[in-house]
């Protein structure tokens, strides 16, 4: 059986599955249940200064898609609304009762060194394994100069990270906001400040929908709405890209990455790890299905790793990065053509409609004595994959490679206007 034990920024856990800082980690009761179920660690819901914040009701809005109730989840909840002292007592007790599980505490306080120094000292007394600086919350707290308001300014990210490194012995993990043009800018700032790791992504600024009866953004609070933080399966592609960009950046080499965003299955987790994450954090899936999903997560990941001969998490981490390249490094000589398996085709015609109306008119409908059939016009097919993704029958439409051994990138393509452009002379040549 594959070894799922992980060490992230020196924080050890029996498996790489952590509960993210969110409602599931807001109190000892929830965290104890999670640990009994088998989760490797938690990031305790974000602590702040007293008096506690006041949260609104209602707090969640959901995006459903094709029968999936929580394809996306939006929330307008703030950090913990429980007293700081109560949270600290519970963290101390849980860590004492579960010494083999990882306990990371999320923090967010005003952007002054004294505020960070004070709360770090109190968290350190609990015996927690590390802290996560919440520089990502996109609503409520950002309007108060915290959360994403810090995470969107690299100078602040570096400054606060450096303060925290000076005032605690614990590993300092910086949670990054996705509400920014280039994720590498705050990530590099965190490293410059001495961060022991980064976590991403936090939620995406959003309005999940509008109630067309009350004409109010959702979730509505007494007829009014505000923007919230979007998470769940719908954000996974965004999170994967940002994790991979950091993992392959030479300036970030060796910095541990905690992957967050739409992880619901062991496959999702394996994808994040293959793109450079050392552990993963999960929230929406646990809120949707409960803590027992950990069994499927650990068993599924371990069995798949065995089948692929990955003995440890470290063996898998970053394995896909070598295949994540800039567009101009793709092989433009590689061609594929769609193939339709007539035996499994149900004759719905979705492939024909999509290709005829919106793609390359490469699928023709044939009328005969029997049912209508659909065939690919190979000379017109560009291998775009649209029909493959639209077909409701798994395996009916496949993409067949037509070339092998040929390679031509944009760098040496005859259509590249820069291919034959003389190099710009250097300064010495000009003089």
Protein backbone atom coordinates (compact mmCIF):
# COMPACT_ATOMS: atom_id res chain seq x y z
CA UNK A 1 0.00 0.00 0.00
CA UNK A 2 1.27 3.45 -0.89
CA UNK A 3 2.52 5.55 2.02
CA UNK A 4 0.24 8.61 2.34
CA UNK A 5 2.16 10.22 5.18
CA UNK A 6 3.17 13.75 4.40
CA UNK A 7 5.42 16.46 5.72
CA UNK A 8 4.49 19.98 4.72
CA UNK A 9 6.80 22.79 5.81
CA UNK A 10 7.87 20.49 8.62
CA UNK A 11 4.27 19.76 9.65
CA UNK A 12 3.65 16.01 9.69
CA UNK A 13 0.32 14.29 9.03
CA UNK A 14 -0.79 10.69 8.40
CA UNK A 15 -2.27 11.65 5.03
CA UNK A 16 -2.35 14.74 2.77
CA UNK A 17 -6.06 15.47 3.27
CA UNK A 18 -6.72 18.54 5.42
CA UNK A 19 -9.96 20.36 6.13
CA UNK A 20 -9.66 23.97 4.99
CA UNK A 21 -10.25 26.97 7.21
CA UNK A 22 -14.06 27.22 7.04
CA UNK A 23 -17.23 26.27 8.97
CA UNK A 24 -16.15 22.59 9.27
CA UNK A 25 -13.17 23.68 11.42
CA UNK A 26 -14.90 26.32 13.52
CA UNK A 27 -15.01 24.41 16.78
CA UNK A 28 -13.63 21.41 18.66
CA UNK A 29 -16.75 19.33 18.10
CA UNK A 30 -16.35 19.38 14.32
CA UNK A 31 -12.59 18.89 14.35
CA UNK A 32 -12.80 15.95 16.77
CA UNK A 33 -15.34 14.29 14.47
CA UNK A 34 -13.05 14.87 11.49
CA UNK A 35 -10.05 13.37 13.24
CA UNK A 36 -12.07 10.34 14.35
CA UNK A 37 -13.10 9.87 10.72
CA UNK A 38 -9.45 9.86 9.62
CA UNK A 39 -8.55 13.32 8.27
CA UNK A 40 -4.83 14.04 8.33
CA UNK A 41 -5.09 17.60 9.57
CA UNK A 42 -7.15 20.76 9.77
CA UNK A 43 -6.72 24.46 9.28
CA UNK A 44 -8.76 25.98 12.11
CA UNK A 45 -11.27 28.58 10.98
CA UNK A 46 -9.69 32.02 10.86
CA UNK A 47 -9.16 33.68 14.24
CA UNK A 48 -9.20 37.43 14.73
CA UNK A 49 -9.07 39.92 17.55
CA UNK A 50 -11.79 40.35 20.17
CA UNK A 51 -14.53 41.42 20.10
CA UNK A 52 -15.53 38.81 17.51
CA UNK A 53 -17.05 39.70 14.16
CA UNK A 54 -20.82 39.54 13.61
CA UNK A 55 -21.96 37.27 10.80
CA UNK A 56 -25.06 37.69 8.66
CA UNK A 57 -27.97 35.33 8.03
CA UNK A 58 -28.32 33.88 5.43
CA UNK A 59 -24.76 33.15 4.34
CA UNK A 60 -24.58 30.66 1.47
CA UNK A 61 -25.63 30.74 -2.15
CA UNK A 62 -25.27 27.77 -4.50
CA UNK A 63 -24.91 27.21 -8.21
CA UNK A 64 -26.51 24.01 -9.47
CA UNK A 65 -25.64 22.50 -12.85
CA UNK A 66 -27.18 19.49 -14.57
CA UNK A 67 -28.34 17.86 -11.36
CA UNK A 68 -25.28 18.75 -9.29
CA UNK A 69 -26.59 20.65 -6.30
CA UNK A 70 -23.32 22.34 -5.36
CA UNK A 71 -21.36 22.73 -8.56
CA UNK A 72 -20.37 26.04 -6.99
CA UNK A 73 -20.88 27.46 -3.51
CA UNK A 74 -20.75 31.13 -2.59
CA UNK A 75 -20.54 32.44 0.93
CA UNK A 76 -20.67 35.83 2.63
CA UNK A 77 -19.49 34.45 5.96
CA UNK A 78 -16.66 36.21 7.77
CA UNK A 79 -14.00 34.81 10.08
CA UNK A 80 -14.95 33.07 13.33
CA UNK A 81 -17.64 34.79 15.36
CA UNK A 82 -16.64 32.92 18.52
CA UNK A 83 -14.48 34.55 21.24
CA UNK A 84 -10.73 34.24 20.72
CA UNK A 85 -10.14 32.75 24.16
CA UNK A 86 -12.70 30.00 23.53
CA UNK A 87 -11.10 29.08 20.22
CA UNK A 88 -7.63 28.97 21.76
CA UNK A 89 -8.77 26.69 24.59
CA UNK A 90 -10.37 24.30 22.14
CA UNK A 91 -7.33 24.25 19.84
CA UNK A 92 -5.15 23.41 22.85
CA UNK A 93 -7.41 20.55 23.89
CA UNK A 94 -7.79 19.08 20.42
CA UNK A 95 -4.05 19.16 19.74
CA UNK A 96 -3.40 17.52 23.10
CA UNK A 97 -5.91 14.75 22.32
CA UNK A 98 -4.69 14.22 18.75
CA UNK A 99 -0.91 14.71 18.76
CA UNK A 100 -0.45 12.74 15.51
CA UNK A 101 -2.75 15.03 13.50
CA UNK A 102 -1.73 18.33 12.01
CA UNK A 103 -3.18 21.50 13.53
CA UNK A 104 -2.72 24.70 11.53
CA UNK A 105 -4.43 27.87 12.72
CA UNK A 106 -5.66 30.48 10.26
CA UNK A 107 -5.19 34.10 11.33
CA UNK A 108 -6.39 37.53 10.24
CA UNK A 109 -5.86 40.70 12.27
CA UNK A 110 -5.38 44.38 11.41
CA UNK A 111 -2.27 45.22 9.41
CA UNK A 112 -0.10 46.32 12.31
CA UNK A 113 2.93 44.49 13.65
CA UNK A 114 1.70 44.61 17.24
CA UNK A 115 -1.59 42.92 16.33
CA UNK A 116 0.18 40.07 14.58
CA UNK A 117 2.75 39.70 17.34
CA UNK A 118 0.08 39.49 20.01
CA UNK A 119 -2.06 36.82 18.38
CA UNK A 120 0.93 34.73 17.30
CA UNK A 121 2.12 34.50 20.89
CA UNK A 122 -1.26 33.24 22.03
CA UNK A 123 -1.56 30.68 19.23
CA UNK A 124 1.93 29.40 19.91
CA UNK A 125 0.88 28.55 23.48
CA UNK A 126 -1.77 26.13 22.16
CA UNK A 127 0.83 23.76 20.73
CA UNK A 128 -0.44 24.25 17.19
CA UNK A 129 1.84 23.03 14.42
CA UNK A 130 1.71 26.13 12.25
CA UNK A 131 -0.22 29.21 11.19
CA UNK A 132 -1.85 30.17 7.92
CA UNK A 133 -2.06 33.89 7.18
CA UNK A 134 -5.43 34.60 5.57
CA UNK A 135 -4.60 37.08 2.83
CA UNK A 136 -7.45 35.90 0.65
CA UNK A 137 -10.91 36.56 2.09
CA UNK A 138 -12.63 38.62 -0.66
CA UNK A 139 -15.60 40.03 1.23
CA UNK A 140 -16.40 41.76 4.49
CA UNK A 141 -12.91 41.63 5.94
CA UNK A 142 -11.24 43.09 2.84
CA UNK A 143 -13.38 46.19 3.25
CA UNK A 144 -11.78 46.53 6.70
CA UNK A 145 -8.25 46.45 5.32
CA UNK A 146 -7.63 42.74 5.90
CA UNK A 147 -7.86 39.53 3.85
CA UNK A 148 -7.64 40.17 0.12
CA UNK A 149 -6.88 43.84 0.77
CA UNK A 150 -3.49 42.63 2.03
CA UNK A 151 -3.13 39.77 -0.45
CA UNK A 152 -3.55 42.04 -3.45
CA UNK A 153 -0.63 44.26 -2.44
CA UNK A 154 2.69 42.38 -2.67
CA UNK A 155 4.47 44.88 -0.42
CA UNK A 156 1.94 44.14 2.34
CA UNK A 157 2.22 40.39 1.78
CA UNK A 158 5.99 40.53 2.22
CA UNK A 159 5.81 42.90 5.18
CA UNK A 160 3.26 40.96 7.22
CA UNK A 161 4.91 37.63 6.42
CA UNK A 162 8.23 39.00 7.66
CA UNK A 163 6.59 40.26 10.88
CA UNK A 164 5.14 36.82 11.53
CA UNK A 165 8.42 35.03 10.87
CA UNK A 166 10.10 37.32 13.37
CA UNK A 167 7.51 36.70 16.07
CA UNK A 168 6.86 32.95 16.00
CA UNK A 169 8.71 29.67 15.95
CA UNK A 170 5.85 28.03 14.05
CA UNK A 171 5.90 27.47 10.28
CA UNK A 172 4.18 30.37 8.50
CA UNK A 173 1.99 29.53 5.51
CA UNK A 174 0.59 32.34 3.38
CA UNK A 175 -2.88 31.81 1.88
CA UNK A 176 -3.10 33.62 -1.44
CA UNK A 177 -6.03 35.34 -3.09
CA UNK A 178 -6.98 34.38 -6.66
CA UNK A 179 -8.51 37.84 -7.15
CA UNK A 180 -5.38 39.16 -8.80
CA UNK A 181 -3.93 39.31 -12.31
CA UNK A 182 -0.71 37.34 -11.72
CA UNK A 183 -0.57 34.86 -8.85
CA UNK A 184 3.24 34.81 -9.01
CA UNK A 185 3.51 38.38 -7.75
CA UNK A 186 2.06 37.77 -4.24
CA UNK A 187 3.60 34.30 -4.14
CA UNK A 188 7.09 35.71 -4.68
CA UNK A 189 6.37 38.40 -2.11
CA UNK A 190 5.47 35.72 0.42
CA UNK A 191 8.73 33.90 -0.26
CA UNK A 192 10.66 37.17 0.05
CA UNK A 193 9.07 37.66 3.46
CA UNK A 194 10.29 34.24 4.56
CA UNK A 195 7.11 32.17 4.19
CA UNK A 196 7.52 28.45 4.87
CA UNK A 197 4.82 27.64 2.32
CA UNK A 198 1.85 29.00 0.39
CA UNK A 199 -1.77 27.85 0.22
CA UNK A 200 -4.10 28.53 -2.69
CA UNK A 201 -6.62 29.35 -3.84
CA UNK A 202 -8.86 31.25 -1.50
CA UNK A 203 -12.38 31.96 -2.72
CA UNK A 204 -13.13 33.94 -5.88
CA UNK A 205 -15.04 37.21 -5.65
CA UNK A 206 -18.50 36.56 -7.06
CA UNK A 207 -22.25 37.03 -7.21
CA UNK A 208 -23.68 33.53 -7.46
CA UNK A 209 -27.06 34.63 -8.82
CA UNK A 210 -30.05 36.97 -8.58
CA UNK A 211 -33.45 36.17 -7.11
CA UNK A 212 -35.69 37.23 -9.99
CA UNK A 213 -38.69 37.67 -7.70
CA UNK A 214 -37.09 40.02 -5.18
CA UNK A 215 -34.43 41.23 -7.68
CA UNK A 216 -31.73 40.82 -5.03
CA UNK A 217 -28.28 39.20 -5.35
CA UNK A 218 -28.01 35.80 -3.66
CA UNK A 219 -27.72 34.95 -0.86
CA UNK A 220 -30.07 37.73 0.19
CA UNK A 221 -30.14 39.24 3.66
CA UNK A 222 -33.45 41.00 4.27
CA UNK A 223 -33.78 41.82 0.59
CA UNK A 224 -30.18 42.93 0.03
CA UNK A 225 -27.15 41.05 -1.25
CA UNK A 226 -23.40 41.52 -1.57
CA UNK A 227 -20.51 39.86 -3.38
CA UNK A 228 -19.16 36.73 -1.75
CA UNK A 229 -16.45 34.11 -2.06
CA UNK A 230 -16.96 31.37 -4.68
CA UNK A 231 -15.65 27.83 -4.21
CA UNK A 232 -16.54 24.22 -5.00
CA UNK A 233 -15.97 22.01 -8.06
CA UNK A 234 -16.45 24.90 -10.49
CA UNK A 235 -13.25 26.65 -9.35
CA UNK A 236 -10.93 23.64 -9.64
CA UNK A 237 -9.51 24.52 -13.11
CA UNK A 238 -8.58 28.00 -11.90
CA UNK A 239 -6.91 26.59 -8.80
CA UNK A 240 -4.96 23.96 -10.74
CA UNK A 241 -3.51 26.59 -13.07
CA UNK A 242 -2.41 28.86 -10.24
CA UNK A 243 -0.86 26.01 -8.25
CA UNK A 244 1.04 24.84 -11.34
CA UNK A 245 2.27 28.33 -12.19
CA UNK A 246 3.81 28.69 -8.75
CA UNK A 247 5.23 25.17 -8.71
CA UNK A 248 7.08 25.60 -12.03
CA UNK A 249 8.36 29.11 -11.29
CA UNK A 250 12.14 28.97 -10.72
CA UNK A 251 11.86 31.75 -8.14
CA UNK A 252 9.56 29.52 -6.06
CA UNK A 253 11.61 26.33 -6.31
CA UNK A 254 11.28 24.13 -3.24
CA UNK A 255 8.56 26.18 -1.52
CA UNK A 256 5.81 23.86 -0.23
CA UNK A 257 2.38 24.40 -1.78
CA UNK A 258 -0.99 23.53 -0.25
CA UNK A 259 -3.58 23.01 -2.99
CA UNK A 260 -7.13 24.26 -2.45
CA UNK A 261 -10.11 24.66 -4.77
CA UNK A 262 -12.88 22.27 -5.79
CA UNK A 263 -11.24 19.08 -4.52
CA UNK A 264 -13.96 16.46 -4.02
CA UNK A 265 -12.39 13.13 -5.02
CA UNK A 266 -9.06 11.34 -4.82
CA UNK A 267 -8.61 12.07 -8.52
CA UNK A 268 -8.86 15.80 -7.85
CA UNK A 269 -6.26 15.46 -5.11
CA UNK A 270 -3.92 13.45 -7.34
CA UNK A 271 -4.12 16.18 -10.00
CA UNK A 272 -3.17 18.90 -7.51
CA UNK A 273 -0.28 16.83 -6.17
CA UNK A 274 0.95 15.99 -9.67
CA UNK A 275 1.04 19.74 -10.39
CA UNK A 276 3.16 20.46 -7.33
CA UNK A 277 1.00 20.50 -4.19
CA UNK A 278 2.40 18.76 -1.14
CA UNK A 279 -0.99 18.43 0.55
CA UNK A 280 -4.56 19.47 -0.19
CA UNK A 281 -7.31 21.26 1.68
CA UNK A 282 -11.01 20.46 1.27
CA UNK A 283 -14.12 22.34 2.35
CA UNK A 284 -17.14 22.26 0.02
CA UNK A 285 -17.09 18.49 -0.52
CA UNK A 286 -17.02 17.89 3.24
CA UNK A 287 -19.91 20.32 3.72
CA UNK A 288 -21.83 18.53 0.97
CA UNK A 289 -21.20 14.90 1.89
CA UNK A 290 -19.79 14.84 5.42
CA UNK A 291 -16.47 13.83 6.92
CA UNK A 292 -16.72 10.15 5.90
CA UNK A 293 -15.58 11.01 2.38
CA UNK A 294 -12.09 10.69 3.82
CA UNK A 295 -12.32 6.91 3.36
CA UNK A 296 -12.84 7.24 -0.38
CA UNK A 297 -10.13 9.90 -0.57
CA UNK A 298 -7.42 7.90 1.17
CA UNK A 299 -8.32 4.48 -0.26
CA UNK A 300 -8.72 5.82 -3.77
CA UNK A 301 -5.46 7.76 -3.76
CA UNK A 302 -3.48 4.89 -2.23
CA UNK A 303 -4.85 2.31 -4.67
CA UNK A 304 -4.18 4.54 -7.68
CA UNK A 305 -0.65 5.30 -6.45
CA UNK A 306 -0.02 1.56 -6.09
CA UNK A 307 -1.20 0.97 -9.66
CA UNK A 308 1.17 3.66 -10.93
CA UNK A 309 4.08 2.60 -8.68
CA UNK A 310 4.21 5.83 -6.68
CA UNK A 311 5.34 4.72 -3.25
CA UNK A 312 5.00 8.10 -1.49
CA UNK A 313 3.36 11.49 -1.91
CA UNK A 314 6.82 12.88 -2.70
CA UNK A 315 7.09 10.45 -5.63
CA UNK A 316 3.93 11.89 -7.19
CA UNK A 317 4.43 15.55 -6.33
CA UNK A 318 5.17 17.67 -9.38
CA UNK A 319 5.26 14.79 -11.87
CA UNK A 320 3.01 16.68 -14.32
CA UNK A 321 5.00 19.91 -14.27
CA UNK A 322 7.38 18.82 -17.00
CA UNK A 323 4.41 18.45 -19.31
CA UNK A 324 2.97 21.87 -18.44
CA UNK A 325 4.55 24.16 -21.01
CA UNK A 326 3.91 27.53 -22.69
CA UNK A 327 1.65 27.38 -25.76
CA UNK A 328 4.53 28.03 -28.15
CA UNK A 329 6.19 24.78 -27.02
CA UNK A 330 3.25 22.63 -28.15
CA UNK A 331 3.76 20.32 -31.12
CA UNK A 332 1.78 21.86 -34.01
CA UNK A 333 2.49 18.81 -36.18
CA UNK A 334 0.39 16.61 -33.87
CA UNK A 335 -3.03 15.82 -35.38
CA UNK A 336 -6.05 13.90 -34.15
CA UNK A 337 -9.34 13.03 -35.86
CA UNK A 338 -12.66 12.10 -34.30
CA UNK A 339 -13.94 8.54 -34.67
CA UNK A 340 -17.57 7.58 -34.01
CA UNK A 341 -18.29 4.04 -32.83
CA UNK A 342 -21.51 3.28 -34.67
CA UNK A 343 -22.29 0.33 -32.40
CA UNK A 344 -22.54 2.56 -29.32
CA UNK A 345 -23.99 5.67 -31.03
CA UNK A 346 -27.55 6.41 -29.86
CA UNK A 347 -28.30 8.72 -32.76
CA UNK A 348 -28.93 11.83 -30.68
CA UNK A 349 -27.17 14.06 -33.20
CA UNK A 350 -25.58 16.36 -30.62
CA UNK A 351 -22.17 15.96 -32.22
CA UNK A 352 -23.50 16.94 -35.64
CA UNK A 353 -25.42 19.95 -34.33
CA UNK A 354 -22.43 21.27 -32.37
CA UNK A 355 -19.96 20.77 -35.19
CA UNK A 356 -22.29 22.10 -37.87
CA UNK A 357 -23.35 25.23 -35.98
CA UNK A 358 -20.27 26.17 -33.97
CA UNK A 359 -17.21 24.30 -35.22
CA UNK A 360 -15.89 22.95 -38.53
CA UNK A 361 -18.78 21.18 -40.30
CA UNK A 362 -16.85 17.91 -40.03
CA UNK A 363 -19.72 15.59 -39.02
CA UNK A 364 -22.37 14.71 -41.58
CA UNK A 365 -25.81 13.18 -40.98
CA UNK A 366 -26.51 10.21 -43.26
CA UNK A 367 -30.11 9.30 -44.08
CA UNK A 368 -30.89 5.81 -45.27
CA UNK A 369 -33.57 3.19 -44.85
CA UNK A 370 -32.72 2.77 -41.18
CA UNK A 371 -31.95 5.20 -38.37
CA UNK A 372 -29.95 8.31 -39.15
CA UNK A 373 -26.20 7.87 -38.70
CA UNK A 374 -23.38 10.34 -38.22
CA UNK A 375 -19.97 10.17 -39.84
CA UNK A 376 -16.80 12.24 -39.56
CA UNK A 377 -15.49 14.03 -42.65
CA UNK A 378 -11.82 13.46 -42.00
CA UNK A 379 -10.62 16.19 -44.37
CA UNK A 380 -12.56 18.80 -42.36
CA UNK A 381 -11.87 17.54 -38.84
CA UNK A 382 -9.28 19.64 -36.97
CA UNK A 383 -9.27 17.50 -33.83
CA UNK A 384 -10.83 20.17 -31.59
CA UNK A 385 -12.44 17.55 -29.25
CA UNK A 386 -15.82 19.33 -29.09
CA UNK A 387 -17.82 16.31 -30.28
CA UNK A 388 -15.95 14.06 -27.85
CA UNK A 389 -16.90 16.25 -24.90
CA UNK A 390 -20.53 16.72 -25.99
CA UNK A 391 -21.33 13.06 -26.71
CA UNK A 392 -23.46 11.62 -23.86
CA UNK A 393 -22.13 8.07 -24.40
CA UNK A 394 -18.73 7.45 -22.85
CA UNK A 395 -16.31 6.01 -25.39
CA UNK A 396 -18.57 6.52 -28.40
CA UNK A 397 -16.48 9.34 -29.88
CA UNK A 398 -12.73 9.05 -29.49
CA UNK A 399 -9.88 11.18 -30.79
CA UNK A 400 -7.44 9.14 -32.86
CA UNK A 401 -3.85 10.34 -33.38
CA UNK A 402 -2.90 10.61 -37.06
CA UNK A 403 0.76 11.57 -36.79
CA UNK A 404 3.74 10.21 -34.93
CA UNK A 405 7.36 11.23 -34.77
CA UNK A 406 6.78 14.69 -36.24
CA UNK A 407 7.44 17.80 -34.23
CA UNK A 408 7.15 21.48 -35.05
CA UNK A 409 6.60 24.22 -32.51
CA UNK A 410 5.61 27.82 -33.11
CA UNK A 411 9.23 28.82 -32.59
CA UNK A 412 10.23 27.20 -35.92
CA UNK A 413 6.89 27.32 -37.74
CA UNK A 414 7.01 29.03 -41.17
CA UNK A 415 4.01 31.22 -40.22
CA UNK A 416 5.83 32.71 -37.26
CA UNK A 417 6.73 36.28 -38.31
CA UNK A 418 9.64 36.30 -35.87
CA UNK A 419 11.21 33.13 -37.22
CA UNK A 420 13.46 34.93 -39.69
CA UNK A 421 13.75 38.24 -37.86
CA UNK A 422 17.44 39.08 -37.26
CA UNK A 423 18.43 39.23 -33.62
CA UNK A 424 18.45 42.70 -32.09
CA UNK A 425 22.12 43.78 -31.82
CA UNK A 426 23.45 44.17 -28.32
CA UNK A 427 24.68 47.47 -26.89
CA UNK A 428 28.34 46.71 -27.64
CA UNK A 429 27.61 46.05 -31.30
CA UNK A 430 25.78 49.34 -31.61
CA UNK A 431 28.84 51.18 -30.33
